[in-house]
C-alpha cells in the first residue's frame, strides 16, 4: 500500500521546525535562554503573546509559488505481494515563509538572533541550508531578508522582534501502486510489414 499523501508545504515546515528546534537548543543558544519554544503559525488572536518564560520562534507560510509539471519517476519499490509502488515528482514547492523571533528584553535579541542565524546556514559550502523532509525529499532553505524591529507598542508589551523572510524549495510528489509491468512479444502483419 502506498504511503498516505503528504502535504508538501506542511512537510517543508515540519522539517524546518524540527531542524530549528534540534539545532538551536543543542548548543548554539546561550545557557540562560533554554526556554526557547519553536512553533508553527501565529499565536491565536485572542491569546497574549507570552515570552516571559523564554524566547518564541514562530514559522508561518506566506505564499506558495510552486509549479506543476509532467510526472518524473524518482523511485520505485517492489512490495512483498509483487505490486510496485512508484514515486513521481509532479512539481515544485517554492514557499515563502516568515520566521519571527520574539523576546522579552532587548538584551536577549542579539544572542538568540545569532543562534537562529547560525541554524539557518550550513556550516560549510555555499550559504543556505539543505534538509530532508519526512518522506526523504530534499528541502533547500535560503534567507531572503532579515529585519530587527522594536515598535513602541511592542516595547510597551515587553516584545522585541527579529523577522526573517525565507524561501523553501522542494518537490511535490505522489505515489502510485500497481502491478509490475510484464514484457511480452507482439507479432503480426500491418500493411504488408511484419512486426
Protein backbone atom coordinates (compact mmCIF):
# COMPACT_ATOMS: atom_id res chain seq x y z
CA UNK A 1 0.00 0.00 0.00
CA UNK A 2 1.47 3.41 -0.91
CA UNK A 3 2.22 5.85 1.90
CA UNK A 4 -0.56 8.34 2.64
CA UNK A 5 -0.37 11.57 0.64
CA UNK A 6 1.87 14.15 2.25
CA UNK A 7 1.11 17.86 2.06
CA UNK A 8 4.38 19.23 0.64
CA UNK A 9 4.02 22.63 2.34
CA UNK A 10 3.41 21.02 5.73
CA UNK A 11 6.31 18.60 5.12
CA UNK A 12 8.66 21.53 4.42
CA UNK A 13 7.55 23.46 7.50
CA UNK A 14 7.77 20.35 9.71
CA UNK A 15 11.34 19.65 8.55
CA UNK A 16 12.46 23.24 9.17
CA UNK A 17 10.73 23.38 12.57
CA UNK A 18 12.42 20.13 13.66
CA UNK A 19 15.81 21.41 12.45
CA UNK A 20 15.48 24.72 14.28
CA UNK A 21 14.31 23.02 17.48
CA UNK A 22 17.13 20.49 17.49
CA UNK A 23 19.93 22.75 16.27
CA UNK A 24 19.28 25.87 18.32
CA UNK A 25 18.60 24.02 21.56
CA UNK A 26 21.56 21.64 21.11
CA UNK A 27 24.16 24.23 21.89
CA UNK A 28 24.01 27.49 19.92
CA UNK A 29 21.60 29.09 22.34
CA UNK A 30 23.20 30.71 25.41
CA UNK A 31 22.57 28.75 28.61
CA UNK A 32 20.17 31.30 30.10
CA UNK A 33 17.83 31.15 27.08
CA UNK A 34 16.98 27.42 27.05
CA UNK A 35 13.26 28.17 27.40
CA UNK A 36 13.05 28.81 23.62
CA UNK A 37 9.87 27.49 22.01
CA UNK A 38 9.71 26.81 18.25
CA UNK A 39 6.22 26.51 16.76
CA UNK A 40 4.35 26.88 13.50
CA UNK A 41 1.88 29.68 12.97
CA UNK A 42 0.97 32.89 14.71
CA UNK A 43 -0.49 32.78 18.20
CA UNK A 44 -4.27 32.93 18.27
CA UNK A 45 -5.65 36.47 18.03
CA UNK A 46 -7.31 36.31 21.44
CA UNK A 47 -4.21 34.90 23.18
CA UNK A 48 -1.44 37.08 24.56
CA UNK A 49 2.00 36.55 23.07
CA UNK A 50 3.86 35.09 26.06
CA UNK A 51 7.65 35.34 26.02
CA UNK A 52 8.29 35.76 29.75
CA UNK A 53 9.24 32.06 30.09
CA UNK A 54 11.67 32.29 27.16
CA UNK A 55 12.05 33.33 23.53
CA UNK A 56 9.41 32.30 20.99
CA UNK A 57 10.20 31.43 17.37
CA UNK A 58 7.17 31.23 15.03
CA UNK A 59 7.26 29.83 11.48
CA UNK A 60 4.42 30.91 9.19
CA UNK A 61 3.88 30.12 5.48
CA UNK A 62 3.21 33.20 3.38
CA UNK A 63 2.84 32.13 -0.26
CA UNK A 64 3.49 29.02 -2.35
CA UNK A 65 4.52 29.87 -5.90
CA UNK A 66 5.45 26.33 -6.92
CA UNK A 67 4.82 24.87 -10.36
CA UNK A 68 3.26 21.66 -11.64
CA UNK A 69 4.90 19.63 -14.41
CA UNK A 70 4.69 16.27 -16.14
CA UNK A 71 5.40 13.35 -13.79
CA UNK A 72 9.01 12.19 -13.44
CA UNK A 73 9.69 8.87 -11.71
CA UNK A 74 12.04 9.40 -8.75
CA UNK A 75 11.78 5.97 -7.13
CA UNK A 76 10.07 2.60 -7.10
CA UNK A 77 9.78 -0.23 -4.60
CA UNK A 78 8.59 -3.80 -5.22
CA UNK A 79 6.31 -4.83 -2.35
CA UNK A 80 6.17 -8.33 -0.83
CA UNK A 81 2.93 -9.03 -2.74
CA UNK A 82 4.61 -8.30 -6.09
CA UNK A 83 2.98 -4.90 -6.51
CA UNK A 84 5.16 -1.88 -7.33
CA UNK A 85 4.91 1.48 -5.56
CA UNK A 86 6.18 4.24 -7.85
CA UNK A 87 7.02 7.72 -6.55
CA UNK A 88 6.78 10.55 -9.07
CA UNK A 89 7.82 14.17 -8.80
CA UNK A 90 4.88 16.16 -10.18
CA UNK A 91 6.00 19.71 -9.43
CA UNK A 92 7.86 22.01 -7.12
CA UNK A 93 7.19 23.87 -3.89
CA UNK A 94 8.52 27.46 -3.87
CA UNK A 95 7.33 28.55 -0.47
CA UNK A 96 7.97 31.94 1.06
CA UNK A 97 7.78 31.72 4.84
CA UNK A 98 8.21 34.15 7.68
CA UNK A 99 10.25 33.28 10.76
CA UNK A 100 9.67 35.58 13.74
CA UNK A 101 11.73 35.67 16.91
CA UNK A 102 10.02 37.27 19.91
CA UNK A 103 11.91 38.07 23.13
CA UNK A 104 11.02 39.98 26.28
CA UNK A 105 14.14 42.16 26.56
CA UNK A 106 16.35 43.98 24.08
CA UNK A 107 19.44 42.30 25.58
CA UNK A 108 18.06 38.87 24.58
CA UNK A 109 17.58 39.74 20.93
CA UNK A 110 21.23 39.64 19.83
CA UNK A 111 22.27 36.30 21.37
CA UNK A 112 19.10 34.47 20.32
CA UNK A 113 19.04 36.01 16.82
CA UNK A 114 22.67 34.91 16.42
CA UNK A 115 21.72 31.33 17.28
CA UNK A 116 18.84 31.45 14.76
CA UNK A 117 21.12 32.89 12.04
CA UNK A 118 23.64 30.09 12.63
CA UNK A 119 20.87 27.47 12.40
CA UNK A 120 19.71 28.89 9.05
CA UNK A 121 23.09 28.41 7.40
CA UNK A 122 25.04 25.25 6.61
CA UNK A 123 28.37 25.12 8.43
CA UNK A 124 30.26 24.52 5.16
CA UNK A 125 29.68 25.22 1.48
CA UNK A 126 27.54 27.94 -0.06
CA UNK A 127 25.08 29.92 2.07
CA UNK A 128 21.75 28.29 2.71
CA UNK A 129 20.56 25.12 4.29
CA UNK A 130 19.78 21.66 2.91
CA UNK A 131 17.40 19.47 4.90
CA UNK A 132 15.38 16.33 4.27
CA UNK A 133 11.61 16.06 4.66
CA UNK A 134 9.94 13.14 6.45
CA UNK A 135 9.31 11.48 3.07
CA UNK A 136 13.00 11.70 2.12
CA UNK A 137 12.64 14.52 -0.42
CA UNK A 138 15.29 17.28 -0.27
CA UNK A 139 14.48 20.74 1.07
CA UNK A 140 16.53 23.88 0.40
CA UNK A 141 16.14 26.90 2.71
CA UNK A 142 17.52 30.35 1.85
CA UNK A 143 17.26 33.59 3.82
CA UNK A 144 15.91 36.39 1.62
CA UNK A 145 15.72 39.16 4.24
CA UNK A 146 16.28 39.77 7.93
CA UNK A 147 14.87 42.67 9.91
CA UNK A 148 15.07 43.66 13.57
CA UNK A 149 12.32 45.85 14.86
CA UNK A 150 11.12 47.39 18.08
CA UNK A 151 7.80 49.19 17.83
CA UNK A 152 6.59 51.44 20.64
CA UNK A 153 3.58 49.15 21.05
CA UNK A 154 5.76 46.02 21.20
CA UNK A 155 8.23 47.50 23.66
CA UNK A 156 5.35 48.61 25.91
CA UNK A 157 4.19 44.96 25.93
CA UNK A 158 7.73 43.66 26.52
CA UNK A 159 8.17 42.32 22.97
CA UNK A 160 11.29 42.69 20.85
CA UNK A 161 11.29 41.07 17.43
CA UNK A 162 13.54 39.87 14.64
CA UNK A 163 11.98 38.65 11.39
CA UNK A 164 13.45 36.55 8.59
CA UNK A 165 11.84 36.02 5.20
CA UNK A 166 12.76 32.56 3.93
CA UNK A 167 12.40 30.71 0.63
CA UNK A 168 11.84 26.97 0.94
CA UNK A 169 12.21 24.88 -2.22
CA UNK A 170 11.30 21.23 -2.53
CA UNK A 171 9.33 18.70 -4.57
CA UNK A 172 5.68 17.87 -4.94
CA UNK A 173 5.44 14.08 -5.18
CA UNK A 174 2.79 11.41 -5.45
CA UNK A 175 2.90 7.63 -5.04
CA UNK A 176 1.05 5.10 -7.15
CA UNK A 177 0.73 1.38 -6.54
CA UNK A 178 0.04 -1.24 -9.17
CA UNK A 179 1.13 -4.47 -10.76
CA UNK A 180 4.62 -4.83 -12.14
CA UNK A 181 4.83 -4.39 -15.90
CA UNK A 182 5.44 -7.55 -17.88
CA UNK A 183 7.25 -7.81 -21.17
CA UNK A 184 5.58 -9.63 -24.00
CA UNK A 185 6.21 -10.28 -27.68
CA UNK A 186 3.96 -8.91 -30.39
CA UNK A 187 3.88 -10.34 -33.90
CA UNK A 188 1.64 -9.65 -36.80
CA UNK A 189 1.35 -8.05 -40.16
CA UNK A 190 0.33 -4.43 -40.70
CA UNK A 191 0.03 -3.30 -44.29
CA UNK A 192 2.47 -5.92 -45.52
CA UNK A 193 5.16 -5.14 -42.94
CA UNK A 194 6.00 -7.86 -40.44
CA UNK A 195 6.23 -6.90 -36.78
